[in-house]
Amino acid sequence: MGRKLYVGNLPWSATEETLRETFSQAGTVDTAKLITDRDSGRSKGFAFVEMSSDDEALEAISQFDGLDNDGRPMRVNEAKPQEPRGDRY
């Protein structure tokens, strides 16, 4: 199991700070990266959180997957490696 987690279905009000605070309840957060729109700077509704150990990552999944976050059920699972995107012009 990897330590990097995908966190989806986040409210637009989510910040990297609130992610750190939330996930620190399950263990040590190494990184929290909220994905934002390049043009508007607004959250795209998902993020990646890296925990310091596999056990902490499992704890975060069990603790936060499906948890109500500002009226939205948060989705937390192991992040999958990014697939190659091919040629872009």
Protein backbone atom coordinates (compact mmCIF):
# COMPACT_ATOMS: atom_id res chain seq x y z
CA MET A 1 0.00 0.00 0.00
CA GLY A 2 1.26 3.46 -0.82
CA ARG A 3 1.27 6.42 1.48
CA LYS A 4 -0.14 8.81 -1.13
CA LEU A 5 -3.91 9.23 -0.96
CA TYR A 6 -6.44 10.61 -3.43
CA VAL A 7 -9.03 12.79 -1.70
CA GLY A 8 -12.07 13.58 -3.83
CA ASN A 9 -15.47 15.24 -3.68
CA LEU A 10 -14.08 18.15 -1.68
CA PRO A 11 -16.09 21.36 -1.23
CA TRP A 12 -14.85 24.42 -3.13
CA SER A 13 -13.98 26.00 0.23
CA ALA A 14 -11.31 23.33 0.97
CA THR A 15 -7.73 24.51 1.42
CA GLU A 16 -4.40 22.75 1.88
CA GLU A 17 -4.44 23.99 5.48
CA THR A 18 -7.83 22.39 6.23
CA LEU A 19 -6.66 19.15 4.59
CA ARG A 20 -3.56 19.08 6.81
CA GLU A 21 -5.65 19.72 9.92
CA THR A 22 -8.17 17.01 9.03
CA PHE A 23 -5.70 14.29 8.02
CA SER A 24 -3.34 14.99 10.93
CA GLN A 25 -6.01 13.33 13.11
CA ALA A 26 -4.95 10.01 11.49
CA GLY A 27 -1.18 10.61 11.68
CA THR A 28 1.64 12.73 10.31
CA VAL A 29 0.89 14.48 7.03
CA ASP A 30 3.99 14.82 4.83
CA THR A 31 2.31 16.78 2.03
CA ALA A 32 -1.14 18.06 1.14
CA LYS A 33 -1.67 19.32 -2.41
CA LEU A 34 -5.04 20.76 -3.41
CA ILE A 35 -5.49 20.67 -7.19
CA THR A 36 -6.62 24.02 -8.59
CA ASP A 37 -7.72 25.33 -11.95
CA ARG A 38 -4.80 26.94 -13.78
CA ASP A 39 -6.85 29.93 -14.99
CA SER A 40 -9.19 30.73 -12.10
CA GLY A 41 -7.13 29.37 -9.20
CA ARG A 42 -10.30 27.75 -7.82
CA SER A 43 -10.21 24.25 -6.35
CA LYS A 44 -11.08 21.43 -8.73
CA GLY A 45 -12.58 19.47 -5.82
CA PHE A 46 -9.80 16.96 -5.27
CA ALA A 47 -6.39 16.72 -3.65
CA PHE A 48 -3.50 14.41 -2.85
CA VAL A 49 -2.34 13.84 0.71
CA GLU A 50 0.80 11.91 1.58
CA MET A 51 0.98 10.31 5.01
CA SER A 52 4.27 9.37 6.68
CA SER A 53 3.51 5.62 6.88
CA ASP A 54 1.33 2.96 5.29
CA ASP A 55 -0.45 2.36 8.60
CA GLU A 56 -1.36 6.05 8.88
CA ALA A 57 -2.59 6.02 5.29
CA LEU A 58 -4.85 3.04 6.03
CA GLU A 59 -6.11 4.78 9.16
CA ALA A 60 -6.91 7.93 7.17
CA ILE A 61 -8.85 5.90 4.57
CA SER A 62 -10.90 4.11 7.21
CA GLN A 63 -11.47 7.30 9.21
CA PHE A 64 -12.33 9.77 6.40
CA ASP A 65 -13.73 7.87 3.40
CA GLY A 66 -17.42 8.79 3.23
CA LEU A 67 -17.12 11.41 6.00
CA ASP A 68 -19.41 14.41 5.52
CA ASN A 69 -17.28 17.43 4.65
CA ASP A 70 -19.34 20.61 4.27
CA GLY A 71 -22.34 18.62 3.02
CA ARG A 72 -20.33 16.37 0.67
CA PRO A 73 -19.21 12.78 1.34
CA MET A 74 -15.42 12.84 1.04
CA ARG A 75 -13.79 10.06 -1.02
CA VAL A 76 -10.41 8.83 0.22
CA ASN A 77 -8.44 5.99 -1.34
CA GLU A 78 -4.94 5.07 -2.43
CA ALA A 79 -3.68 7.28 -5.25
CA LYS A 80 -2.95 5.50 -8.50
CA PRO A 81 0.15 6.38 -10.55
CA GLN A 82 -0.48 8.98 -13.22
CA GLU A 83 -0.77 7.44 -16.67
CA PRO A 84 1.18 8.91 -19.59
CA ARG A 85 -0.86 11.50 -21.46
CA GLY A 86 0.70 11.04 -24.89
CA ASP A 87 1.76 13.81 -27.24
CA ARG A 88 0.38 17.30 -26.76
CA TYR A 89 0.67 20.06 -29.28
